């Protein structure tokens, strides 16, 4: 009797836990963001944006190609920050 009850209980617990394992990557990200990880990512991106802006200011003597690369990185970081803040 104890064995059959244990088997039934185990089967029930596994069926309840299955949706957790079946989460998509986007669902996992949404769960992480609602847990506060989104704020950490926003802070990291803000620091990265400040560093890139500083590098652009310092690159007055650099080639135009290097400045364009930095501006592209800056735009990508700003777009990513905007997406994080929207969610």
N, C-alpha and C. Protein backbone atom coordinates (compact mmCIF):
# COMPACT_ATOMS: atom_id res chain seq x y z
N UNK A 1 0.82 -1.20 0.00
CA UNK A 1 0.00 0.00 0.00
C UNK A 1 0.86 1.25 0.00
N UNK A 2 1.93 1.27 0.82
CA UNK A 2 2.80 2.43 0.89
C UNK A 2 3.51 2.65 -0.45
N UNK A 3 3.90 1.57 -1.09
CA UNK A 3 4.61 1.67 -2.36
C UNK A 3 3.71 2.25 -3.44
N UNK A 4 2.48 1.78 -3.51
CA UNK A 4 1.58 2.31 -4.54
C UNK A 4 1.24 3.78 -4.28
N UNK A 5 1.10 4.16 -3.03
CA UNK A 5 0.83 5.56 -2.69
C UNK A 5 2.02 6.43 -3.08
N UNK A 6 3.22 5.92 -2.86
CA UNK A 6 4.43 6.65 -3.22
C UNK A 6 4.55 6.82 -4.73
N UNK A 7 4.19 5.79 -5.49
CA UNK A 7 4.23 5.85 -6.95
C UNK A 7 3.22 6.87 -7.47
N UNK A 8 2.03 6.85 -6.92
CA UNK A 8 0.99 7.80 -7.35
C UNK A 8 1.40 9.22 -7.00
N UNK A 9 1.92 9.42 -5.81
CA UNK A 9 2.37 10.74 -5.39
C UNK A 9 3.51 11.24 -6.28
N UNK A 10 4.46 10.36 -6.59
CA UNK A 10 5.58 10.74 -7.47
C UNK A 10 5.09 11.11 -8.85
N UNK A 11 4.17 10.36 -9.40
CA UNK A 11 3.62 10.66 -10.72
C UNK A 11 2.90 12.01 -10.71
N UNK A 12 2.17 12.28 -9.66
CA UNK A 12 1.47 13.55 -9.55
C UNK A 12 2.46 14.72 -9.49
N UNK A 13 3.49 14.58 -8.68
CA UNK A 13 4.47 15.65 -8.54
C UNK A 13 5.21 15.91 -9.85
N UNK A 14 5.51 14.87 -10.59
CA UNK A 14 6.19 15.04 -11.88
C UNK A 14 5.27 15.73 -12.89
N UNK A 15 4.00 15.41 -12.86
CA UNK A 15 3.08 16.05 -13.81
C UNK A 15 2.91 17.53 -13.48
N UNK A 16 2.98 17.88 -12.22
CA UNK A 16 2.87 19.28 -11.82
C UNK A 16 4.16 20.03 -12.17
N UNK A 17 5.30 19.38 -12.07
CA UNK A 17 6.58 20.02 -12.33
C UNK A 17 6.90 20.12 -13.83
N UNK A 18 6.23 19.38 -14.67
CA UNK A 18 6.54 19.37 -16.10
C UNK A 18 6.44 20.74 -16.76
N UNK A 19 5.45 21.57 -16.44
CA UNK A 19 5.41 22.89 -17.08
C UNK A 19 6.63 23.75 -16.77
N UNK A 20 7.23 23.57 -15.64
CA UNK A 20 8.42 24.34 -15.29
C UNK A 20 9.56 23.98 -16.22
N UNK A 21 9.71 22.71 -16.54
CA UNK A 21 10.78 22.28 -17.41
C UNK A 21 10.49 22.61 -18.87
N UNK A 22 9.24 22.82 -19.21
CA UNK A 22 8.83 23.06 -20.59
C UNK A 22 8.80 24.54 -20.94
N UNK A 23 9.31 25.40 -20.09
CA UNK A 23 9.28 26.83 -20.36
C UNK A 23 10.21 27.17 -21.53
N UNK A 24 9.76 28.08 -22.36
CA UNK A 24 10.60 28.54 -23.46
C UNK A 24 11.62 29.54 -22.92
N UNK A 25 12.57 29.85 -23.76
CA UNK A 25 13.60 30.80 -23.36
C UNK A 25 13.00 32.16 -23.03
N UNK A 26 12.03 32.60 -23.83
CA UNK A 26 11.39 33.89 -23.57
C UNK A 26 10.63 33.89 -22.26
N UNK A 27 9.99 32.78 -21.95
CA UNK A 27 9.26 32.69 -20.68
C UNK A 27 10.23 32.73 -19.51
N UNK A 28 11.38 32.07 -19.66
CA UNK A 28 12.38 32.10 -18.60
C UNK A 28 12.91 33.52 -18.41
N UNK A 29 13.12 34.24 -19.52
CA UNK A 29 13.58 35.63 -19.42
C UNK A 29 12.54 36.50 -18.74
N UNK A 30 11.27 36.29 -19.08
CA UNK A 30 10.20 37.07 -18.46
C UNK A 30 10.17 36.83 -16.96
N UNK A 31 10.34 35.59 -16.56
CA UNK A 31 10.37 35.28 -15.12
C UNK A 31 11.56 35.95 -14.44
N UNK A 32 12.69 35.94 -15.10
CA UNK A 32 13.88 36.56 -14.52
C UNK A 32 13.70 38.07 -14.41
N UNK A 33 13.10 38.68 -15.43
CA UNK A 33 12.90 40.12 -15.39
C UNK A 33 11.93 40.52 -14.30
N UNK A 34 10.89 39.74 -14.10
CA UNK A 34 9.94 40.08 -13.05
C UNK A 34 10.56 39.89 -11.68
N UNK A 35 11.63 39.13 -11.62
CA UNK A 35 12.31 38.92 -10.35
C UNK A 35 13.30 40.04 -10.03
N UNK A 36 13.43 41.02 -10.91
CA UNK A 36 14.30 42.15 -10.63
C UNK A 36 15.59 42.14 -11.42
N UNK A 37 15.85 41.13 -12.21
CA UNK A 37 17.07 41.09 -12.99
C UNK A 37 17.09 42.16 -14.07
N UNK A 38 15.95 42.62 -14.45
CA UNK A 38 15.84 43.65 -15.48
C UNK A 38 16.52 44.94 -15.02
N UNK A 39 16.38 45.27 -13.76
CA UNK A 39 17.01 46.48 -13.23
C UNK A 39 18.51 46.38 -13.28
N UNK A 40 19.05 45.19 -12.99
CA UNK A 40 20.49 45.00 -13.05
C UNK A 40 20.99 45.17 -14.48
N UNK A 41 20.27 44.62 -15.44
CA UNK A 41 20.68 44.73 -16.83
C UNK A 41 20.62 46.19 -17.28
N UNK A 42 19.63 46.92 -16.84
CA UNK A 42 19.52 48.34 -17.21
C UNK A 42 20.70 49.13 -16.66
N UNK A 43 21.09 48.84 -15.43
CA UNK A 43 22.24 49.54 -14.84
C UNK A 43 23.52 49.23 -15.60
N UNK A 44 23.69 47.98 -15.98
CA UNK A 44 24.87 47.57 -16.74
C UNK A 44 24.90 48.28 -18.09
N UNK A 45 23.75 48.34 -18.75
CA UNK A 45 23.69 49.00 -20.04
C UNK A 45 23.95 50.50 -19.92
N UNK A 46 23.45 51.12 -18.87
CA UNK A 46 23.71 52.55 -18.66
C UNK A 46 25.20 52.82 -18.47
N UNK A 47 25.87 51.95 -17.73
CA UNK A 47 27.32 52.10 -17.56
C UNK A 47 28.04 51.91 -18.88
N UNK A 48 27.61 50.93 -19.65
CA UNK A 48 28.23 50.67 -20.96
C UNK A 48 28.04 51.88 -21.88
N UNK A 49 26.86 52.47 -21.88
CA UNK A 49 26.58 53.64 -22.70
C UNK A 49 27.49 54.80 -22.29
N UNK A 50 27.65 55.00 -20.99
CA UNK A 50 28.52 56.08 -20.50
C UNK A 50 29.96 55.85 -20.94
N UNK A 51 30.42 54.61 -20.89
CA UNK A 51 31.78 54.29 -21.32
C UNK A 51 31.97 54.54 -22.81
N UNK A 52 30.99 54.15 -23.60
CA UNK A 52 31.09 54.34 -25.05
C UNK A 52 31.09 55.84 -25.38
N UNK A 53 30.24 56.61 -24.70
CA UNK A 53 30.22 58.06 -24.93
C UNK A 53 31.57 58.67 -24.57
N UNK A 54 32.15 58.20 -23.49
CA UNK A 54 33.47 58.68 -23.08
C UNK A 54 34.53 58.33 -24.13
N UNK A 55 34.46 57.12 -24.66
CA UNK A 55 35.40 56.70 -25.70
C UNK A 55 35.23 57.54 -26.96
N UNK A 56 34.00 57.90 -27.29
CA UNK A 56 33.76 58.74 -28.47
C UNK A 56 34.38 60.12 -28.26
N UNK A 57 34.22 60.68 -27.06
CA UNK A 57 34.81 61.99 -26.76
C UNK A 57 36.34 61.94 -26.84
N UNK A 58 36.92 60.83 -26.37
CA UNK A 58 38.37 60.68 -26.37
C UNK A 58 38.93 60.40 -27.76
N UNK A 59 38.09 59.97 -28.68
CA UNK A 59 38.58 59.54 -29.99
C UNK A 59 38.58 60.66 -31.02
N UNK A 60 38.84 61.87 -30.58
CA UNK A 60 38.87 63.00 -31.50
C UNK A 60 39.98 62.85 -32.52
N UNK A 61 41.07 62.22 -32.15
CA UNK A 61 42.20 62.02 -33.06
C UNK A 61 42.13 60.70 -33.81
N UNK A 62 41.10 59.92 -33.59
CA UNK A 62 40.97 58.62 -34.23
C UNK A 62 40.41 58.76 -35.63
N UNK A 63 40.46 57.66 -36.34
CA UNK A 63 39.94 57.67 -37.71
C UNK A 63 38.41 57.71 -37.68
N UNK A 64 37.80 58.22 -38.74
CA UNK A 64 36.33 58.27 -38.80
C UNK A 64 35.69 56.88 -38.73
N UNK A 65 36.40 55.88 -39.21
CA UNK A 65 35.86 54.51 -39.16
C UNK A 65 35.72 54.03 -37.72
N UNK A 66 36.72 54.33 -36.90
CA UNK A 66 36.66 53.93 -35.49
C UNK A 66 35.53 54.65 -34.76
N UNK A 67 35.34 55.92 -35.09
CA UNK A 67 34.26 56.69 -34.47
C UNK A 67 32.91 56.11 -34.89
N UNK A 68 32.78 55.74 -36.15
CA UNK A 68 31.52 55.13 -36.62
C UNK A 68 31.24 53.82 -35.91
N UNK A 69 32.29 53.02 -35.68
CA UNK A 69 32.11 51.76 -34.95
C UNK A 69 31.61 52.03 -33.53
N UNK A 70 32.21 53.02 -32.89
CA UNK A 70 31.78 53.37 -31.53
C UNK A 70 30.34 53.88 -31.53
N UNK A 71 30.00 54.70 -32.52
CA UNK A 71 28.63 55.21 -32.60
C UNK A 71 27.63 54.08 -32.84
N UNK A 72 28.04 53.08 -33.62
CA UNK A 72 27.16 51.93 -33.86
C UNK A 72 26.97 51.14 -32.57
N UNK A 73 28.05 50.93 -31.81
CA UNK A 73 27.94 50.24 -30.52
C UNK A 73 27.04 51.01 -29.57
N UNK A 74 27.18 52.34 -29.59
CA UNK A 74 26.35 53.19 -28.73
C UNK A 74 24.88 53.05 -29.09
N UNK A 75 24.57 53.09 -30.38
CA UNK A 75 23.18 52.96 -30.81
C UNK A 75 22.60 51.60 -30.43
N UNK A 76 23.39 50.53 -30.60
CA UNK A 76 22.92 49.19 -30.23
C UNK A 76 22.65 49.10 -28.73
N UNK A 77 23.55 49.67 -27.92
CA UNK A 77 23.36 49.64 -26.47
C UNK A 77 22.13 50.45 -26.06
N UNK A 78 21.92 51.58 -26.72
CA UNK A 78 20.75 52.41 -26.39
C UNK A 78 19.46 51.71 -26.80
N UNK A 79 19.46 51.03 -27.95
CA UNK A 79 18.28 50.27 -28.38
C UNK A 79 17.98 49.14 -27.40
N UNK A 80 19.02 48.46 -26.97
CA UNK A 80 18.84 47.35 -26.02
C UNK A 80 18.30 47.87 -24.68
N UNK A 81 18.83 49.00 -24.24
CA UNK A 81 18.33 49.59 -22.99
C UNK A 81 16.86 49.97 -23.12
N UNK A 82 16.49 50.50 -24.26
CA UNK A 82 15.09 50.86 -24.48
C UNK A 82 14.18 49.62 -24.42
N UNK A 83 14.64 48.52 -25.02
CA UNK A 83 13.84 47.28 -24.96
C UNK A 83 13.71 46.77 -23.54
N UNK A 84 14.78 46.87 -22.76
CA UNK A 84 14.74 46.41 -21.37
C UNK A 84 13.79 47.26 -20.56
N UNK A 85 13.84 48.57 -20.78
CA UNK A 85 12.98 49.46 -20.00
C UNK A 85 11.51 49.32 -20.37
N UNK A 86 11.22 48.94 -21.60
CA UNK A 86 9.82 48.74 -22.02
C UNK A 86 9.20 47.53 -21.34
N UNK A 87 10.00 46.52 -21.07
CA UNK A 87 9.46 45.28 -20.47
C UNK A 87 9.37 45.41 -19.02
